[in-house]
PDB file of N, CA and C in Angstrom:
ATOM      1  N   MET A   1       8.139   8.153 -16.877  1.00  0.00           N
ATOM      2  CA  MET A   1       7.363   7.059 -16.177  1.00  0.00           C
ATOM      3  C   MET A   1       7.023   7.526 -14.780  1.00  0.00           C
ATOM      4  N   LYS A   2       5.711   7.400 -14.414  1.00  0.00           N
ATOM      5  CA  LYS A   2       5.292   7.734 -13.141  1.00  0.00           C
ATOM      6  C   LYS A   2       5.729   6.760 -12.026  1.00  0.00           C
ATOM      7  N   LYS A   3       6.186   7.231 -10.982  1.00  0.00           N
ATOM      8  CA  LYS A   3       6.634   6.349  -9.872  1.00  0.00           C
ATOM      9  C   LYS A   3       5.416   5.997  -8.982  1.00  0.00           C
ATOM     10  N   ARG A   4       5.166   4.640  -9.000  1.00  0.00           N
ATOM     11  CA  ARG A   4       3.971   4.149  -8.255  1.00  0.00           C
ATOM     12  C   ARG A   4       4.433   3.519  -6.996  1.00  0.00           C
ATOM     13  N   GLU A   5       5.644   3.028  -6.947  1.00  0.00           N
ATOM     14  CA  GLU A   5       6.325   2.415  -5.701  1.00  0.00           C
ATOM     15  C   GLU A   5       5.384   1.385  -5.091  1.00  0.00           C
ATOM     16  N   LEU A   6       4.980   0.373  -5.899  1.00  0.00           N
ATOM     17  CA  LEU A   6       4.046  -0.679  -5.481  1.00  0.00           C
ATOM     18  C   LEU A   6       4.600  -1.662  -4.487  1.00  0.00           C
ATOM     19  N   CYS A   7       5.844  -2.212  -4.822  1.00  0.00           N
ATOM     20  CA  CYS A   7       6.312  -3.348  -4.131  1.00  0.00           C
ATOM     21  C   CYS A   7       7.213  -3.092  -2.945  1.00  0.00           C
ATOM     22  N   GLY A   8       7.817  -1.976  -2.892  1.00  0.00           N
ATOM     23  CA  GLY A   8       8.780  -1.581  -1.790  1.00  0.00           C
ATOM     24  C   GLY A   8      10.096  -2.318  -1.924  1.00  0.00           C
ATOM     25  N   ILE A   9      10.498  -2.812  -3.131  1.00  0.00           N
ATOM     26  CA  ILE A   9      11.756  -3.467  -3.296  1.00  0.00           C
ATOM     27  C   ILE A   9      12.579  -2.464  -4.108  1.00  0.00           C
ATOM     28  N   TYR A  10      13.616  -1.844  -3.494  1.00  0.00           N
ATOM     29  CA  TYR A  10      14.346  -0.741  -4.152  1.00  0.00           C
ATOM     30  C   TYR A  10      15.719  -1.098  -4.625  1.00  0.00           C
ATOM     31  N   PHE A  11      16.131  -0.628  -5.664  1.00  0.00           N
ATOM     32  CA  PHE A  11      17.496  -0.816  -6.226  1.00  0.00           C
ATOM     33  C   PHE A  11      18.124   0.542  -6.645  1.00  0.00           C
ATOM     34  N   ARG A  12      19.409   0.600  -6.536  1.00  0.00           N
ATOM     35  CA  ARG A  12      20.108   1.812  -7.003  1.00  0.00           C
ATOM     36  C   ARG A  12      20.314   1.729  -8.532  1.00  0.00           C
ATOM     37  N   VAL A  13      19.682   2.620  -9.342  1.00  0.00           N
ATOM     38  CA  VAL A  13      19.737   2.591 -10.694  1.00  0.00           C
ATOM     39  C   VAL A  13      20.299   3.920 -11.268  1.00  0.00           C
ATOM     40  N   LYS A  14      21.162   3.808 -12.261  1.00  0.00           N
ATOM     41  CA  LYS A  14      21.718   5.068 -12.769  1.00  0.00           C
ATOM     42  C   LYS A  14      20.815   5.580 -13.906  1.00  0.00           C
ATOM     43  N   ARG A  15      20.184   6.739 -13.725  1.00  0.00           N
ATOM     44  CA  ARG A  15      19.443   7.332 -14.754  1.00  0.00           C
ATOM     45  C   ARG A  15      19.899   8.760 -14.955  1.00  0.00           C
ATOM     46  N   ASP A  16      19.936   9.139 -16.209  1.00  0.00           N
ATOM     47  CA  ASP A  16      20.499  10.459 -16.619  1.00  0.00           C
ATOM     48  C   ASP A  16      21.735  10.835 -15.888  1.00  0.00           C
ATOM     49  N   GLY A  17      22.704   9.857 -15.714  1.00  0.00           N
ATOM     50  CA  GLY A  17      23.922  10.198 -15.149  1.00  0.00           C
ATOM     51  C   GLY A  17      23.954  10.361 -13.613  1.00  0.00           C
ATOM     52  N   LYS A  18      22.694  10.168 -12.998  1.00  0.00           N
ATOM     53  CA  LYS A  18      22.677  10.177 -11.550  1.00  0.00           C
ATOM     54  C   LYS A  18      22.072   8.934 -11.031  1.00  0.00           C
ATOM     55  N   TYR A  19      22.514   8.386  -9.844  1.00  0.00           N
ATOM     56  CA  TYR A  19      21.966   7.278  -9.189  1.00  0.00           C
ATOM     57  C   TYR A  19      20.654   7.612  -8.387  1.00  0.00           C
ATOM     58  N   GLU A  20      19.583   6.775  -8.558  1.00  0.00           N
ATOM     59  CA  GLU A  20      18.370   6.967  -7.822  1.00  0.00           C
ATOM     60  C   GLU A  20      18.018   5.653  -7.225  1.00  0.00           C
ATOM     61  N   ASN A  21      17.232   5.704  -6.171  1.00  0.00           N
ATOM     62  CA  ASN A  21      16.552   4.575  -5.591  1.00  0.00           C
ATOM     63  C   ASN A  21      15.267   4.418  -6.316  1.00  0.00           C
ATOM     64  N   ILE A  22      15.068   3.311  -7.035  1.00  0.00           N
ATOM     65  CA  ILE A  22      13.960   3.079  -7.848  1.00  0.00           C
ATOM     66  C   ILE A  22      13.272   1.754  -7.471  1.00  0.00           C
ATOM     67  N   CYS A  23      11.947   1.734  -7.248  1.00  0.00           N
ATOM     68  CA  CYS A  23      11.234   0.570  -6.938  1.00  0.00           C
ATOM     69  C   CYS A  23      11.254  -0.388  -8.061  1.00  0.00           C
ATOM     70  N   PHE A  24      11.317  -1.746  -7.850  1.00  0.00           N
ATOM     71  CA  PHE A  24      11.375  -2.703  -8.827  1.00  0.00           C
ATOM     72  C   PHE A  24      10.307  -2.569  -9.885  1.00  0.00           C
ATOM     73  N   THR A  25       9.024  -2.379  -9.334  1.00  0.00           N
ATOM     74  CA  THR A  25       7.940  -2.278 -10.253  1.00  0.00           C
ATOM     75  C   THR A  25       7.882  -0.996 -11.167  1.00  0.00           C
ATOM     76  N   ASP A  26       8.758   0.017 -10.815  1.00  0.00           N
ATOM     77  CA  ASP A  26       8.828   1.160 -11.679  1.00  0.00           C
ATOM     78  C   ASP A  26      10.067   1.234 -12.579  1.00  0.00           C
ATOM     79  N   MET A  27      10.778   0.183 -12.522  1.00  0.00           N
ATOM     80  CA  MET A  27      11.948   0.013 -13.465  1.00  0.00           C
ATOM     81  C   MET A  27      11.510  -0.369 -14.841  1.00  0.00           C
ATOM     82  N   THR A  28      12.375  -0.032 -15.849  1.00  0.00           N
ATOM     83  CA  THR A  28      12.052  -0.590 -17.175  1.00  0.00           C
ATOM     84  C   THR A  28      12.431  -2.086 -17.194  1.00  0.00           C
ATOM     85  N   GLU A  29      12.010  -2.685 -18.201  1.00  0.00           N
ATOM     86  CA  GLU A  29      12.267  -4.226 -18.240  1.00  0.00           C
ATOM     87  C   GLU A  29      13.820  -4.422 -18.329  1.00  0.00           C
ATOM     88  N   GLU A  30      14.527  -3.587 -18.992  1.00  0.00           N
ATOM     89  CA  GLU A  30      16.086  -3.758 -19.021  1.00  0.00           C
ATOM     90  C   GLU A  30      16.611  -3.633 -17.615  1.00  0.00           C
ATOM     91  N   GLU A  31      16.192  -2.536 -16.937  1.00  0.00           N
ATOM     92  CA  GLU A  31      16.677  -2.356 -15.562  1.00  0.00           C
ATOM     93  C   GLU A  31      16.317  -3.425 -14.700  1.00  0.00           C
ATOM     94  N   GLN A  32      15.217  -4.051 -14.760  1.00  0.00           N
ATOM     95  CA  GLN A  32      14.739  -5.181 -13.953  1.00  0.00           C
ATOM     96  C   GLN A  32      15.624  -6.426 -14.231  1.00  0.00           C
ATOM     97  N   LYS A  33      15.979  -6.711 -15.525  1.00  0.00           N
ATOM     98  CA  LYS A  33      16.785  -7.800 -15.849  1.00  0.00           C
ATOM     99  C   LYS A  33      18.165  -7.669 -15.278  1.00  0.00           C
ATOM    100  N   ARG A  34      18.754  -6.387 -15.402  1.00  0.00           N
ATOM    101  CA  ARG A  34      20.078  -6.167 -14.727  1.00  0.00           C
ATOM    102  C   ARG A  34      19.988  -6.301 -13.274  1.00  0.00           C
ATOM    103  N   ALA A  35      19.006  -5.874 -12.639  1.00  0.00           N
ATOM    104  CA  ALA A  35      18.884  -5.873 -11.150  1.00  0.00           C
ATOM    105  C   ALA A  35      18.828  -7.327 -10.624  1.00  0.00           C
ATOM    106  N   ILE A  36      18.175  -8.169 -11.253  1.00  0.00           N
ATOM    107  CA  ILE A  36      18.064  -9.575 -10.701  1.00  0.00           C
ATOM    108  C   ILE A  36      19.037 -10.573 -11.385  1.00  0.00           C
ATOM    109  N   TYR A  37      19.934 -10.125 -12.183  1.00  0.00           N
ATOM    110  CA  TYR A  37      20.758 -11.091 -12.913  1.00  0.00           C
ATOM    111  C   TYR A  37      21.659 -11.941 -11.928  1.00  0.00           C
ATOM    112  N   ASP A  38      22.218 -11.362 -10.925  1.00  0.00           N
ATOM    113  CA  ASP A  38      23.039 -12.105  -9.976  1.00  0.00           C
ATOM    114  C   ASP A  38      22.324 -12.589  -8.712  1.00  0.00           C
ATOM    115  N   PHE A  39      21.053 -12.624  -8.750  1.00  0.00           N
ATOM    116  CA  PHE A  39      20.287 -13.084  -7.604  1.00  0.00           C
ATOM    117  C   PHE A  39      20.493 -14.584  -7.301  1.00  0.00           C
ATOM    118  N   SER A  40      20.522 -14.887  -6.111  1.00  0.00           N
ATOM    119  CA  SER A  40      20.518 -16.417  -5.788  1.00  0.00           C
ATOM    120  C   SER A  40      19.123 -16.955  -5.926  1.00  0.00           C
ATOM    121  N   PRO A  41      18.930 -18.286  -5.982  1.00  0.00           N
ATOM    122  CA  PRO A  41      17.576 -18.741  -6.073  1.00  0.00           C
ATOM    123  C   PRO A  41      16.708 -18.399  -4.846  1.00  0.00           C
ATOM    124  N   GLU A  42      17.273 -18.312  -3.636  1.00  0.00           N
ATOM    125  CA  GLU A  42      16.479 -17.975  -2.467  1.00  0.00           C
ATOM    126  C   GLU A  42      16.083 -16.490  -2.595  1.00  0.00           C
ATOM    127  N   SER A  43      16.921 -15.644  -3.138  1.00  0.00           N
ATOM    128  CA  SER A  43      16.549 -14.155  -3.204  1.00  0.00           C
ATOM    129  C   SER A  43      15.369 -14.076  -4.308  1.00  0.00           C
ATOM    130  N   LEU A  44      15.508 -14.837  -5.346  1.00  0.00           N
ATOM    131  CA  LEU A  44      14.313 -14.726  -6.320  1.00  0.00           C
ATOM    132  C   LEU A  44      13.077 -15.334  -5.717  1.00  0.00           C
ATOM    133  N   ARG A  45      13.166 -16.340  -4.950  1.00  0.00           N
ATOM    134  CA  ARG A  45      11.960 -16.809  -4.281  1.00  0.00           C
ATOM    135  C   ARG A  45      11.303 -15.796  -3.387  1.00  0.00           C
ATOM    136  N   ASN A  46      12.201 -15.115  -2.591  1.00  0.00           N
ATOM    137  CA  ASN A  46      11.681 -14.108  -1.656  1.00  0.00           C
ATOM    138  C   ASN A  46      11.097 -12.920  -2.432  1.00  0.00           C
ATOM    139  N   MET A  47      11.671 -12.508  -3.513  1.00  0.00           N
ATOM    140  CA  MET A  47      11.161 -11.478  -4.319  1.00  0.00           C
ATOM    141  C   MET A  47       9.792 -11.848  -4.897  1.00  0.00           C
ATOM    142  N   CYS A  48       9.762 -13.028  -5.362  1.00  0.00           N
ATOM    143  CA  CYS A  48       8.440 -13.524  -5.976  1.00  0.00           C
ATOM    144  C   CYS A  48       7.306 -13.497  -4.931  1.00  0.00           C
ATOM    145  N   MET A  49       7.635 -13.852  -3.641  1.00  0.00           N
ATOM    146  CA  MET A  49       6.683 -13.805  -2.618  1.00  0.00           C
ATOM    147  C   MET A  49       6.159 -12.393  -2.300  1.00  0.00           C
ATOM    148  N   VAL A  50       7.106 -11.549  -2.316  1.00  0.00           N
ATOM    149  CA  VAL A  50       6.679 -10.055  -2.061  1.00  0.00           C
ATOM    150  C   VAL A  50       5.841  -9.568  -3.202  1.00  0.00           C
ATOM    151  N   LEU A  51       6.221  -9.863  -4.406  1.00  0.00           N
ATOM    152  CA  LEU A  51       5.417  -9.438  -5.657  1.00  0.00           C
ATOM    153  C   LEU A  51       4.088 -10.115  -5.655  1.00  0.00           C
ATOM    154  N   ALA A  52       3.971 -11.364  -5.259  1.00  0.00           N
ATOM    155  CA  ALA A  52       2.736 -12.070  -5.136  1.00  0.00           C
ATOM    156  C   ALA A  52       1.776 -11.385  -4.095  1.00  0.00           C
ATOM    157  N   ALA A  53       2.301 -10.942  -3.022  1.00  0.00           N
ATOM    158  CA  ALA A  53       1.532 -10.239  -1.891  1.00  0.00           C
ATOM    159  C   ALA A  53       1.057  -8.959  -2.521  1.00  0.00           C
ATOM    160  N   VAL A  54       1.870  -8.215  -3.243  1.00  0.00           N
ATOM    161  CA  VAL A  54       1.471  -6.896  -3.800  1.00  0.00           C
ATOM    162  C   VAL A  54       0.367  -7.172  -4.780  1.00  0.00           C
ATOM    163  N   PHE A  55       0.508  -8.160  -5.619  1.00  0.00           N
ATOM    164  CA  PHE A  55      -0.641  -8.481  -6.656  1.00  0.00           C
ATOM    165  C   PHE A  55      -1.844  -8.787  -5.911  1.00  0.00           C
ATOM    166  N   THR A  56      -1.810  -9.542  -4.883  1.00  0.00           N
ATOM    167  CA  THR A  56      -3.012  -9.879  -4.152  1.00  0.00           C
ATOM    168  C   THR A  56      -3.682  -8.728  -3.598  1.00  0.00           C
ATOM    169  N   VAL A  57      -2.917  -7.727  -3.011  1.00  0.00           N
ATOM    170  CA  VAL A  57      -3.567  -6.514  -2.491  1.00  0.00           C
ATOM    171  C   VAL A  57      -4.124  -5.602  -3.609  1.00  0.00           C
ATOM    172  N   VAL A  58      -3.403  -5.520  -4.685  1.00  0.00           N
ATOM    173  CA  VAL A  58      -3.907  -4.715  -5.816  1.00  0.00           C
ATOM    174  C   VAL A  58      -5.228  -5.293  -6.470  1.00  0.00           C
ATOM    175  N   SER A  59      -5.251  -6.617  -6.505  1.00  0.00           N
ATOM    176  CA  SER A  59      -6.430  -7.249  -7.117  1.00  0.00           C
ATOM    177  C   SER A  59      -7.570  -7.102  -6.101  1.00  0.00           C
ATOM    178  N   THR A  60      -7.343  -7.251  -4.853  1.00  0.00           N
ATOM    179  CA  THR A  60      -8.434  -7.034  -3.847  1.00  0.00           C
ATOM    180  C   THR A  60      -8.950  -5.647  -3.956  1.00  0.00           C
ATOM    181  N   ILE A  61      -8.142  -4.615  -4.122  1.00  0.00           N
ATOM    182  CA  ILE A  61      -8.574  -3.231  -4.180  1.00  0.00           C
ATOM    183  C   ILE A  61      -9.443  -3.079  -5.403  1.00  0.00           C
ATOM    184  N   ILE A  62      -8.989  -3.652  -6.541  1.00  0.00           N
ATOM    185  CA  ILE A  62      -9.706  -3.565  -7.850  1.00  0.00           C
ATOM    186  C   ILE A  62     -11.047  -4.234  -7.662  1.00  0.00           C
ATOM    187  N   TYR A  63     -11.150  -5.398  -6.995  1.00  0.00           N
ATOM    188  CA  TYR A  63     -12.445  -6.140  -6.761  1.00  0.00           C
ATOM    189  C   TYR A  63     -13.334  -5.276  -5.929  1.00  0.00           C
ATOM    190  N   LEU A  64     -12.787  -4.703  -4.740  1.00  0.00           N
ATOM    191  CA  LEU A  64     -13.670  -3.943  -3.899  1.00  0.00           C
ATOM    192  C   LEU A  64     -14.220  -2.623  -4.580  1.00  0.00           C
ATOM    193  N   THR A  65     -13.378  -2.079  -5.389  1.00  0.00           N
ATOM    194  CA  THR A  65     -13.725  -0.851  -6.118  1.00  0.00           C
ATOM    195  C   THR A  65     -14.860  -1.188  -7.105  1.00  0.00           C
ATOM    196  N   SER A  66     -14.755  -2.292  -7.796  1.00  0.00           N
ATOM    197  CA  SER A  66     -15.790  -2.647  -8.774  1.00  0.00           C
ATOM    198  C   SER A  66     -17.049  -3.061  -8.116  1.00  0.00           C
ATOM    199  N   ALA A  67     -16.926  -3.779  -6.997  1.00  0.00           N
ATOM    200  CA  ALA A  67     -18.114  -4.130  -6.199  1.00  0.00           C
ATOM    201  C   ALA A  67     -18.812  -2.872  -5.587  1.00  0.00           C
ATOM    202  N   TYR A  68     -18.130  -1.884  -5.210  1.00  0.00           N
ATOM    203  CA  TYR A  68     -18.568  -0.613  -4.581  1.00  0.00           C
ATOM    204  C   TYR A  68     -19.398   0.127  -5.743  1.00  0.00           C
ATOM    205  N   ARG A  69     -18.915   0.037  -6.925  1.00  0.00           N
ATOM    206  CA  ARG A  69     -19.556   0.785  -7.965  1.00  0.00           C
ATOM    207  C   ARG A  69     -20.852   0.126  -8.477  1.00  0.00           C
ATOM    208  N   THR A  70     -20.879  -1.271  -8.366  1.00  0.00           N
ATOM    209  CA  THR A  70     -21.999  -1.939  -9.018  1.00  0.00           C
ATOM    210  C   THR A  70     -23.057  -2.434  -8.017  1.00  0.00           C
ATOM    211  N   CYS A  71     -22.747  -2.519  -6.655  1.00  0.00           N
ATOM    212  CA  CYS A  71     -23.642  -3.098  -5.742  1.00  0.00           C
ATOM    213  C   CYS A  71     -24.052  -2.020  -4.738  1.00  0.00           C
ATOM    214  N   PRO A  72     -25.319  -1.582  -4.756  1.00  0.00           N
ATOM    215  CA  PRO A  72     -25.794  -0.620  -3.696  1.00  0.00           C
ATOM    216  C   PRO A  72     -25.789  -1.080  -2.321  1.00  0.00           C
ATOM    217  N   ALA A  73     -26.043  -2.454  -2.027  1.00  0.00           N
ATOM    218  CA  ALA A  73     -25.980  -2.942  -0.764  1.00  0.00           C
ATOM    219  C   ALA A  73     -24.504  -2.876  -0.153  1.00  0.00           C
ATOM    220  N   PHE A  74     -23.542  -3.147  -1.017  1.00  0.00           N
ATOM    221  CA  PHE A  74     -22.138  -3.168  -0.602  1.00  0.00           C
ATOM    222  C   PHE A  74     -21.807  -1.657  -0.294  1.00  0.00           C
ATOM    223  N   ARG A  75     -22.197  -0.830  -1.127  1.00  0.00           N
ATOM    224  CA  ARG A  75     -21.948   0.657  -0.947  1.00  0.00           C
ATOM    225  C   ARG A  75     -22.504   1.069   0.436  1.00  0.00           C
ATOM    226  N   TYR A  76     -23.800   0.669   0.750  1.00  0.00           N
ATOM    227  CA  TYR A  76     -24.400   1.046   1.945  1.00  0.00           C
ATOM    228  C   TYR A  76     -23.654   0.506   3.218  1.00  0.00           C
ATOM    229  N   LEU A  77     -23.195  -0.791   3.111  1.00  0.00           N
ATOM    230  CA  LEU A  77     -22.417  -1.352   4.243  1.00  0.00           C
ATOM    231  C   LEU A  77     -21.141  -0.620   4.470  1.00  0.00           C
ATOM    232  N   LEU A  78     -20.436  -0.241   3.404  1.00  0.00           N
ATOM    233  CA  LEU A  78     -19.204   0.465   3.582  1.00  0.00           C
ATOM    234  C   LEU A  78     -19.395   1.848   4.143  1.00  0.00           C
ATOM    235  N   TRP A  79     -20.530   2.559   3.713  1.00  0.00           N
ATOM    236  CA  TRP A  79     -20.842   3.826   4.223  1.00  0.00           C
ATOM    237  C   TRP A  79     -21.136   3.764   5.750  1.00  0.00           C
ATOM    238  N   LYS A  80     -21.974   2.715   6.048  1.00  0.00           N
ATOM    239  CA  LYS A  80     -22.340   2.556   7.434  1.00  0.00           C
ATOM    240  C   LYS A  80     -21.162   2.228   8.339  1.00  0.00           C
ATOM    241  N   ARG A  81     -20.259   1.408   7.838  1.00  0.00           N
ATOM    242  CA  ARG A  81     -19.049   1.107   8.618  1.00  0.00           C
ATOM    243  C   ARG A  81     -18.213   2.379   8.760  1.00  0.00           C
ATOM    244  N   THR A  82     -18.070   3.218   7.711  1.00  0.00           N
ATOM    245  CA  THR A  82     -17.256   4.417   7.807  1.00  0.00           C
ATOM    246  C   THR A  82     -17.856   5.352   8.830  1.00  0.00           C
ATOM    247  N   VAL A  83     -19.233   5.461   8.857  1.00  0.00           N
ATOM    248  CA  VAL A  83     -19.869   6.388   9.801  1.00  0.00           C
ATOM    249  C   VAL A  83     -19.635   5.916  11.263  1.00  0.00           C
ATOM    250  N   TRP A  84     -19.716   4.527  11.350  1.00  0.00           N
ATOM    251  CA  TRP A  84     -19.527   3.910  12.718  1.00  0.00           C
ATOM    252  C   TRP A  84     -18.149   4.270  13.168  1.00  0.00           C
ATOM    253  N   TYR A  85     -17.049   4.050  12.315  1.00  0.00           N
ATOM    254  CA  TYR A  85     -15.694   4.313  12.727  1.00  0.00           C
ATOM    255  C   TYR A  85     -15.544   5.774  13.073  1.00  0.00           C
ATOM    256  N   LYS A  86     -16.211   6.620  12.319  1.00  0.00           N
ATOM    257  CA  LYS A  86     -16.036   8.097  12.595  1.00  0.00           C
ATOM    258  C   LYS A  86     -16.566   8.391  13.969  1.00  0.00           C
ATOM    259  N   MET A  87     -17.707   7.812  14.285  1.00  0.00           N
ATOM    260  CA  MET A  87     -18.397   8.055  15.598  1.00  0.00           C
ATOM    261  C   MET A  87     -17.483   7.472  16.714  1.00  0.00           C
ATOM    262  N   LEU A  88     -16.890   6.262  16.459  1.00  0.00           N
ATOM    263  CA  LEU A  88     -16.019   5.713  17.485  1.00  0.00           C
ATOM    264  C   LEU A  88     -14.744   6.608  17.718  1.00  0.00           C
ATOM    265  N   PHE A  89     -14.202   7.065  16.593  1.00  0.00           N
ATOM    266  CA  PHE A  89     -12.943   8.009  16.605  1.00  0.00           C
ATOM    267  C   PHE A  89     -13.294   9.238  17.456  1.00  0.00           C
ATOM    268  N   ASP A  90     -14.467   9.856  17.056  1.00  0.00           N
ATOM    269  CA  ASP A  90     -14.882  11.053  17.852  1.00  0.00           C
ATOM    270  C   ASP A  90     -15.033  10.802  19.353  1.00  0.00           C
ATOM    271  N   TYR A  91     -15.603   9.731  19.543  1.00  0.00           N
ATOM    272  CA  TYR A  91     -15.852   9.325  21.004  1.00  0.00           C
ATOM    273  C   TYR A  91     -14.484   9.200  21.767  1.00  0.00           C
ATOM    274  N   GLN A  92     -13.540   8.541  21.056  1.00  0.00           N
ATOM    275  CA  GLN A  92     -12.239   8.428  21.616  1.00  0.00           C
ATOM    276  C   GLN A  92     -11.514   9.726  21.880  1.00  0.00           C
ATOM    277  N   ILE A  93     -11.615  10.750  20.942  1.00  0.00           N
ATOM    278  CA  ILE A  93     -11.137  11.975  21.013  1.00  0.00           C
ATOM    279  C   ILE A  93     -11.743  12.695  22.261  1.00  0.00           C
ATOM    280  N   TYR A  94     -13.111  12.635  22.376  1.00  0.00           N
ATOM    281  CA  TYR A  94     -13.692  13.299  23.478  1.00  0.00           C
ATOM    282  C   TYR A  94     -13.285  12.702  24.873  1.00  0.00           C
ATOM    283  N   PHE A  95     -13.136  11.376  24.965  1.00  0.00           N
ATOM    284  CA  PHE A  95     -12.749  10.673  26.123  1.00  0.00           C
ATOM    285  C   PHE A  95     -11.337  11.077  26.529  1.00  0.00           C
ATOM    286  N   LEU A  96     -10.419  11.170  25.446  1.00  0.00           N
ATOM    287  CA  LEU A  96      -9.044  11.593  25.853  1.00  0.00           C
ATOM    288  C   LEU A  96      -8.981  13.046  26.307  1.00  0.00           C
ATOM    289  N   ARG A  97      -9.804  13.906  25.694  1.00  0.00           N
ATOM    290  CA  ARG A  97      -9.957  15.339  26.226  1.00  0.00           C
ATOM    291  C   ARG A  97     -10.363  15.294  27.629  1.00  0.00           C
ATOM    292  N   TYR A  98     -11.441  14.539  27.931  1.00  0.00           N
ATOM    293  CA  TYR A  98     -11.881  14.504  29.307  1.00  0.00           C
ATOM    294  C   TYR A  98     -10.799  13.985  30.279  1.00  0.00           C
ATOM    295  N   LEU A  99     -10.033  12.998  29.846  1.00  0.00           N
ATOM    296  CA  LEU A  99      -8.944  12.501  30.796  1.00  0.00           C
ATOM    297  C   LEU A  99      -7.904  13.584  30.952  1.00  0.00           C
ATOM    298  N   LEU A 100      -7.602  14.261  29.913  1.00  0.00           N
ATOM    299  CA  LEU A 100      -6.507  15.342  30.005  1.00  0.00           C
ATOM    300  C   LEU A 100      -7.026  16.455  30.889  1.00  0.00           C
ATOM    301  N   LEU A 101      -8.302  16.837  30.705  1.00  0.00           N
ATOM    302  CA  LEU A 101      -8.851  17.967  31.578  1.00  0.00           C
ATOM    303  C   LEU A 101      -9.023  17.580  32.980  1.00  0.00           C
ATOM    304  N   SER A 102      -9.366  16.361  33.272  1.00  0.00           N
ATOM    305  CA  SER A 102      -9.621  15.992  34.569  1.00  0.00           C
ATOM    306  C   SER A 102      -8.340  15.673  35.417  1.00  0.00           C
ATOM    307  N   SER A 103      -7.237  15.439  34.635  1.00  0.00           N
ATOM    308  CA  SER A 103      -5.930  15.197  35.202  1.00  0.00           C
ATOM    309  C   SER A 103      -5.305  16.466  35.682  1.00  0.00           C
ATOM    310  N   ARG A 104      -5.783  17.580  35.014  1.00  0.00           N
ATOM    311  CA  ARG A 104      -5.129  18.887  35.367  1.00  0.00           C
ATOM    312  C   ARG A 104      -5.730  19.506  36.716  1.00  0.00           C
ATOM    313  N   GLN A 105      -6.836  19.048  37.032  1.00  0.00           N
ATOM    314  CA  GLN A 105      -7.469  19.563  38.296  1.00  0.00           C
ATOM    315  C   GLN A 105      -6.894  19.081  39.533  1.00  0.00           C
TER     316      GLN A 105
END
């Protein structure tokens, strides 16, 4: 099974005779059941909130990816934004170099 480490909730799980830190979303169903068996109701609520946030992020990424593929206008706006950020980043780098060089004199 490929480790995706989506949720950031880790448990110590014994696999192949060795203990590993495994993300909850990467566990088998059996391991997940064992991991949450003794959880308090508050712990389960917190875990559900984290998993809901992960689901929201993943679904947003899927939506943006599909919009990027199907909508030329959306693709152009993302490209334009990326170019603008790159220009801003380059400007910041040049400005920092200028400050460093001028402080040496």
